[in-house]
Amino acid sequence: MLIEVTKLNGTKILVNDDAIEYVEETPDTVVMFRSGRKIIIKESRQEIKNLVKSNTND
């Protein structure tokens, strides 16, 4: 499923939650994908966890 996140520049993007390898706060939230690509986003680690969890319950 796709989840919407916000990059630091304010751009909203959709990412495939199945492609996420891990999320960490360093203190910025970094999403690492299985492909090795990373993005830094405005949402917290907990917000991403909640978005992914709500997608699995749909």
PDB file of N, CA and C in Angstrom:
ATOM      1  N   MET A   1       0.836  -1.186   0.000  1.00  0.00           N
ATOM      2  CA  MET A   1       0.000   0.000   0.000  1.00  0.00           C
ATOM      3  C   MET A   1       0.881   1.250   0.000  1.00  0.00           C
ATOM      4  N   LEU A   2       0.327   2.318  -0.466  1.00  0.00           N
ATOM      5  CA  LEU A   2       1.045   3.586  -0.507  1.00  0.00           C
ATOM      6  C   LEU A   2       0.701   4.426   0.721  1.00  0.00           C
ATOM      7  N   ILE A   3       1.714   5.103   1.238  1.00  0.00           N
ATOM      8  CA  ILE A   3       1.500   6.061   2.319  1.00  0.00           C
ATOM      9  C   ILE A   3       2.051   7.404   1.859  1.00  0.00           C
ATOM     10  N   GLU A   4       1.432   8.477   2.322  1.00  0.00           N
ATOM     11  CA  GLU A   4       1.875   9.823   1.945  1.00  0.00           C
ATOM     12  C   GLU A   4       2.791  10.373   3.031  1.00  0.00           C
ATOM     13  N   VAL A   5       3.955  10.867   2.606  1.00  0.00           N
ATOM     14  CA  VAL A   5       4.912  11.493   3.522  1.00  0.00           C
ATOM     15  C   VAL A   5       5.318  12.838   2.949  1.00  0.00           C
ATOM     16  N   THR A   6       5.931  13.661   3.790  1.00  0.00           N
ATOM     17  CA  THR A   6       6.333  15.005   3.393  1.00  0.00           C
ATOM     18  C   THR A   6       7.845  15.142   3.477  1.00  0.00           C
ATOM     19  N   LYS A   7       8.461  15.464   2.342  1.00  0.00           N
ATOM     20  CA  LYS A   7       9.901  15.706   2.338  1.00  0.00           C
ATOM     21  C   LYS A   7      10.175  17.028   3.052  1.00  0.00           C
ATOM     22  N   LEU A   8      11.421  17.269   3.425  1.00  0.00           N
ATOM     23  CA  LEU A   8      11.770  18.477   4.175  1.00  0.00           C
ATOM     24  C   LEU A   8      11.448  19.760   3.408  1.00  0.00           C
ATOM     25  N   ASN A   9      11.450  19.701   2.075  1.00  0.00           N
ATOM     26  CA  ASN A   9      11.142  20.891   1.277  1.00  0.00           C
ATOM     27  C   ASN A   9       9.640  21.136   1.146  1.00  0.00           C
ATOM     28  N   GLY A  10       8.813  20.269   1.791  1.00  0.00           N
ATOM     29  CA  GLY A  10       7.367  20.446   1.778  1.00  0.00           C
ATOM     30  C   GLY A  10       6.654  19.634   0.714  1.00  0.00           C
ATOM     31  N   THR A  11       7.384  18.991  -0.169  1.00  0.00           N
ATOM     32  CA  THR A  11       6.787  18.176  -1.218  1.00  0.00           C
ATOM     33  C   THR A  11       6.201  16.904  -0.622  1.00  0.00           C
ATOM     34  N   LYS A  12       4.946  16.642  -0.947  1.00  0.00           N
ATOM     35  CA  LYS A  12       4.302  15.415  -0.494  1.00  0.00           C
ATOM     36  C   LYS A  12       4.520  14.338  -1.548  1.00  0.00           C
ATOM     37  N   ILE A  13       4.898  13.140  -1.085  1.00  0.00           N
ATOM     38  CA  ILE A  13       5.110  12.033  -2.005  1.00  0.00           C
ATOM     39  C   ILE A  13       4.440  10.781  -1.448  1.00  0.00           C
ATOM     40  N   LEU A  14       4.167   9.841  -2.336  1.00  0.00           N
ATOM     41  CA  LEU A  14       3.617   8.553  -1.938  1.00  0.00           C
ATOM     42  C   LEU A  14       4.736   7.529  -1.998  1.00  0.00           C
ATOM     43  N   VAL A  15       4.843   6.714  -0.967  1.00  0.00           N
ATOM     44  CA  VAL A  15       5.844   5.651  -0.958  1.00  0.00           C
ATOM     45  C   VAL A  15       5.149   4.319  -0.673  1.00  0.00           C
ATOM     46  N   ASN A  16       5.718   3.276  -1.233  1.00  0.00           N
ATOM     47  CA  ASN A  16       5.211   1.931  -1.021  1.00  0.00           C
ATOM     48  C   ASN A  16       5.722   1.436   0.326  1.00  0.00           C
ATOM     49  N   ASP A  17       4.819   1.180   1.242  1.00  0.00           N
ATOM     50  CA  ASP A  17       5.260   0.769   2.578  1.00  0.00           C
ATOM     51  C   ASP A  17       5.957  -0.592   2.573  1.00  0.00           C
ATOM     52  N   ASP A  18       5.710  -1.415   1.560  1.00  0.00           N
ATOM     53  CA  ASP A  18       6.409  -2.702   1.449  1.00  0.00           C
ATOM     54  C   ASP A  18       7.875  -2.522   1.073  1.00  0.00           C
ATOM     55  N   ALA A  19       8.220  -1.369   0.498  1.00  0.00           N
ATOM     56  CA  ALA A  19       9.595  -1.114   0.058  1.00  0.00           C
ATOM     57  C   ALA A  19      10.473  -0.562   1.186  1.00  0.00           C
ATOM     58  N   ILE A  20       9.859  -0.201   2.319  1.00  0.00           N
ATOM     59  CA  ILE A  20      10.610   0.378   3.429  1.00  0.00           C
ATOM     60  C   ILE A  20      11.365  -0.721   4.173  1.00  0.00           C
ATOM     61  N   GLU A  21      12.663  -0.514   4.345  1.00  0.00           N
ATOM     62  CA  GLU A  21      13.467  -1.453   5.129  1.00  0.00           C
ATOM     63  C   GLU A  21      13.451  -1.063   6.604  1.00  0.00           C
ATOM     64  N   TYR A  22      13.706   0.247   6.872  1.00  0.00           N
ATOM     65  CA  TYR A  22      13.617   0.720   8.250  1.00  0.00           C
ATOM     66  C   TYR A  22      13.437   2.225   8.277  1.00  0.00           C
ATOM     67  N   VAL A  23      13.023   2.723   9.453  1.00  0.00           N
ATOM     68  CA  VAL A  23      12.836   4.157   9.695  1.00  0.00           C
ATOM     69  C   VAL A  23      13.584   4.483  10.975  1.00  0.00           C
ATOM     70  N   GLU A  24      14.362   5.578  10.948  1.00  0.00           N
ATOM     71  CA  GLU A  24      15.068   6.001  12.157  1.00  0.00           C
ATOM     72  C   GLU A  24      14.971   7.503  12.327  1.00  0.00           C
ATOM     73  N   GLU A  25      15.093   7.953  13.563  1.00  0.00           N
ATOM     74  CA  GLU A  25      15.119   9.382  13.866  1.00  0.00           C
ATOM     75  C   GLU A  25      16.524   9.726  14.337  1.00  0.00           C
ATOM     76  N   THR A  26      17.125  10.724  13.657  1.00  0.00           N
ATOM     77  CA  THR A  26      18.555  11.000  13.916  1.00  0.00           C
ATOM     78  C   THR A  26      18.924  12.462  14.134  1.00  0.00           C
ATOM     79  N   PRO A  27      18.222  13.456  14.533  1.00  0.00           N
ATOM     80  CA  PRO A  27      16.822  13.541  14.950  1.00  0.00           C
ATOM     81  C   PRO A  27      15.840  13.649  13.793  1.00  0.00           C
ATOM     82  N   ASP A  28      16.312  13.965  12.560  1.00  0.00           N
ATOM     83  CA  ASP A  28      15.387  13.937  11.419  1.00  0.00           C
ATOM     84  C   ASP A  28      14.959  12.501  11.171  1.00  0.00           C
ATOM     85  N   THR A  29      13.766  12.348  10.610  1.00  0.00           N
ATOM     86  CA  THR A  29      13.278  11.009  10.307  1.00  0.00           C
ATOM     87  C   THR A  29      13.824  10.584   8.946  1.00  0.00           C
ATOM     88  N   VAL A  30      14.537   9.476   8.934  1.00  0.00           N
ATOM     89  CA  VAL A  30      15.136   8.936   7.721  1.00  0.00           C
ATOM     90  C   VAL A  30      14.444   7.623   7.389  1.00  0.00           C
ATOM     91  N   VAL A  31      13.961   7.527   6.147  1.00  0.00           N
ATOM     92  CA  VAL A  31      13.352   6.285   5.667  1.00  0.00           C
ATOM     93  C   VAL A  31      14.354   5.626   4.727  1.00  0.00           C
ATOM     94  N   MET A  32      14.741   4.401   5.040  1.00  0.00           N
ATOM     95  CA  MET A  32      15.650   3.633   4.196  1.00  0.00           C
ATOM     96  C   MET A  32      14.825   2.581   3.461  1.00  0.00           C
ATOM     97  N   PHE A  33      14.997   2.543   2.145  1.00  0.00           N
ATOM     98  CA  PHE A  33      14.269   1.585   1.324  1.00  0.00           C
ATOM     99  C   PHE A  33      15.136   0.370   1.024  1.00  0.00           C
ATOM    100  N   ARG A  34      14.498  -0.717   0.675  1.00  0.00           N
ATOM    101  CA  ARG A  34      15.214  -1.954   0.344  1.00  0.00           C
ATOM    102  C   ARG A  34      16.186  -1.756  -0.811  1.00  0.00           C
ATOM    103  N   SER A  35      15.908  -0.787  -1.666  1.00  0.00           N
ATOM    104  CA  SER A  35      16.774  -0.496  -2.815  1.00  0.00           C
ATOM    105  C   SER A  35      18.075   0.186  -2.401  1.00  0.00           C
ATOM    106  N   GLY A  36      18.132   0.672  -1.140  1.00  0.00           N
ATOM    107  CA  GLY A  36      19.294   1.404  -0.662  1.00  0.00           C
ATOM    108  C   GLY A  36      19.091   2.908  -0.683  1.00  0.00           C
ATOM    109  N   ARG A  37      18.022   3.365  -1.319  1.00  0.00           N
ATOM    110  CA  ARG A  37      17.711   4.793  -1.359  1.00  0.00           C
ATOM    111  C   ARG A  37      17.191   5.237  -0.001  1.00  0.00           C
ATOM    112  N   LYS A  38      17.495   6.501   0.359  1.00  0.00           N
ATOM    113  CA  LYS A  38      16.998   7.071   1.618  1.00  0.00           C
ATOM    114  C   LYS A  38      16.330   8.399   1.326  1.00  0.00           C
ATOM    115  N   ILE A  39      15.344   8.725   2.140  1.00  0.00           N
ATOM    116  CA  ILE A  39      14.756  10.058   2.101  1.00  0.00           C
ATOM    117  C   ILE A  39      14.607  10.549   3.536  1.00  0.00           C
ATOM    118  N   ILE A  40      14.676  11.861   3.691  1.00  0.00           N
ATOM    119  CA  ILE A  40      14.457  12.498   4.992  1.00  0.00           C
ATOM    120  C   ILE A  40      13.086  13.158   4.920  1.00  0.00           C
ATOM    121  N   ILE A  41      12.267  12.894   5.929  1.00  0.00           N
ATOM    122  CA  ILE A  41      10.896  13.378   5.906  1.00  0.00           C
ATOM    123  C   ILE A  41      10.556  14.123   7.190  1.00  0.00           C
ATOM    124  N   LYS A  42       9.438  14.853   7.136  1.00  0.00           N
ATOM    125  CA  LYS A  42       8.991  15.640   8.287  1.00  0.00           C
ATOM    126  C   LYS A  42       8.260  14.808   9.332  1.00  0.00           C
ATOM    127  N   GLU A  43       7.586  13.748   8.913  1.00  0.00           N
ATOM    128  CA  GLU A  43       6.818  12.934   9.843  1.00  0.00           C
ATOM    129  C   GLU A  43       7.755  12.209  10.814  1.00  0.00           C
ATOM    130  N   SER A  44       7.249  11.932  11.989  1.00  0.00           N
ATOM    131  CA  SER A  44       8.043  11.210  12.988  1.00  0.00           C
ATOM    132  C   SER A  44       8.035   9.706  12.685  1.00  0.00           C
ATOM    133  N   ARG A  45       8.927   9.001  13.334  1.00  0.00           N
ATOM    134  CA  ARG A  45       8.973   7.542  13.209  1.00  0.00           C
ATOM    135  C   ARG A  45       7.639   6.939  13.636  1.00  0.00           C
ATOM    136  N   GLN A  46       7.072   7.466  14.720  1.00  0.00           N
ATOM    137  CA  GLN A  46       5.793   6.960  15.220  1.00  0.00           C
ATOM    138  C   GLN A  46       4.668   7.205  14.219  1.00  0.00           C
ATOM    139  N   GLU A  47       4.660   8.363  13.571  1.00  0.00           N
ATOM    140  CA  GLU A  47       3.628   8.645  12.573  1.00  0.00           C
ATOM    141  C   GLU A  47       3.713   7.652  11.411  1.00  0.00           C
ATOM    142  N   ILE A  48       4.936   7.338  10.982  1.00  0.00           N
ATOM    143  CA  ILE A  48       5.108   6.373   9.893  1.00  0.00           C
ATOM    144  C   ILE A  48       4.626   4.996  10.344  1.00  0.00           C
ATOM    145  N   LYS A  49       4.972   4.619  11.547  1.00  0.00           N
ATOM    146  CA  LYS A  49       4.514   3.343  12.099  1.00  0.00           C
ATOM    147  C   LYS A  49       2.992   3.269  12.086  1.00  0.00           C
ATOM    148  N   ASN A  50       2.336   4.349  12.507  1.00  0.00           N
ATOM    149  CA  ASN A  50       0.876   4.382  12.535  1.00  0.00           C
ATOM    150  C   ASN A  50       0.279   4.309  11.132  1.00  0.00           C
ATOM    151  N   LEU A  51       0.890   5.001  10.173  1.00  0.00           N
ATOM    152  CA  LEU A  51       0.401   4.964   8.791  1.00  0.00           C
ATOM    153  C   LEU A  51       0.497   3.554   8.214  1.00  0.00           C
ATOM    154  N   VAL A  52       1.626   2.906   8.431  1.00  0.00           N
ATOM    155  CA  VAL A  52       1.815   1.548   7.917  1.00  0.00           C
ATOM    156  C   VAL A  52       0.843   0.591   8.600  1.00  0.00           C
ATOM    157  N   LYS A  53       0.704   0.745   9.908  1.00  0.00           N
ATOM    158  CA  LYS A  53      -0.199  -0.117  10.665  1.00  0.00           C
ATOM    159  C   LYS A  53      -1.644   0.058  10.202  1.00  0.00           C
ATOM    160  N   SER A  54      -2.064   1.297   9.952  1.00  0.00           N
ATOM    161  CA  SER A  54      -3.453   1.527   9.513  1.00  0.00           C
ATOM    162  C   SER A  54      -3.674   0.962   8.116  1.00  0.00           C
ATOM    163  N   ASN A  55      -2.637   0.920   7.270  1.00  0.00           N
ATOM    164  CA  ASN A  55      -2.760   0.323   5.943  1.00  0.00           C
ATOM    165  C   ASN A  55      -2.960  -1.179   6.018  1.00  0.00           C
ATOM    166  N   THR A  56      -2.358  -1.817   6.991  1.00  0.00           N
ATOM    167  CA  THR A  56      -2.492  -3.270   7.105  1.00  0.00           C
ATOM    168  C   THR A  56      -3.849  -3.673   7.664  1.00  0.00           C
ATOM    169  N   ASN A  57      -4.527  -2.718   8.322  1.00  0.00           N
ATOM    170  CA  ASN A  57      -5.839  -3.004   8.892  1.00  0.00           C
ATOM    171  C   ASN A  57      -6.979  -2.740   7.912  1.00  0.00           C
ATOM    172  N   ASP A  58      -6.676  -2.133   6.768  1.00  0.00           N
ATOM    173  CA  ASP A  58      -7.730  -1.805   5.786  1.00  0.00           C
ATOM    174  C   ASP A  58      -8.155  -3.014   4.995  1.00  0.00           C
TER     175      ASP A  58
END
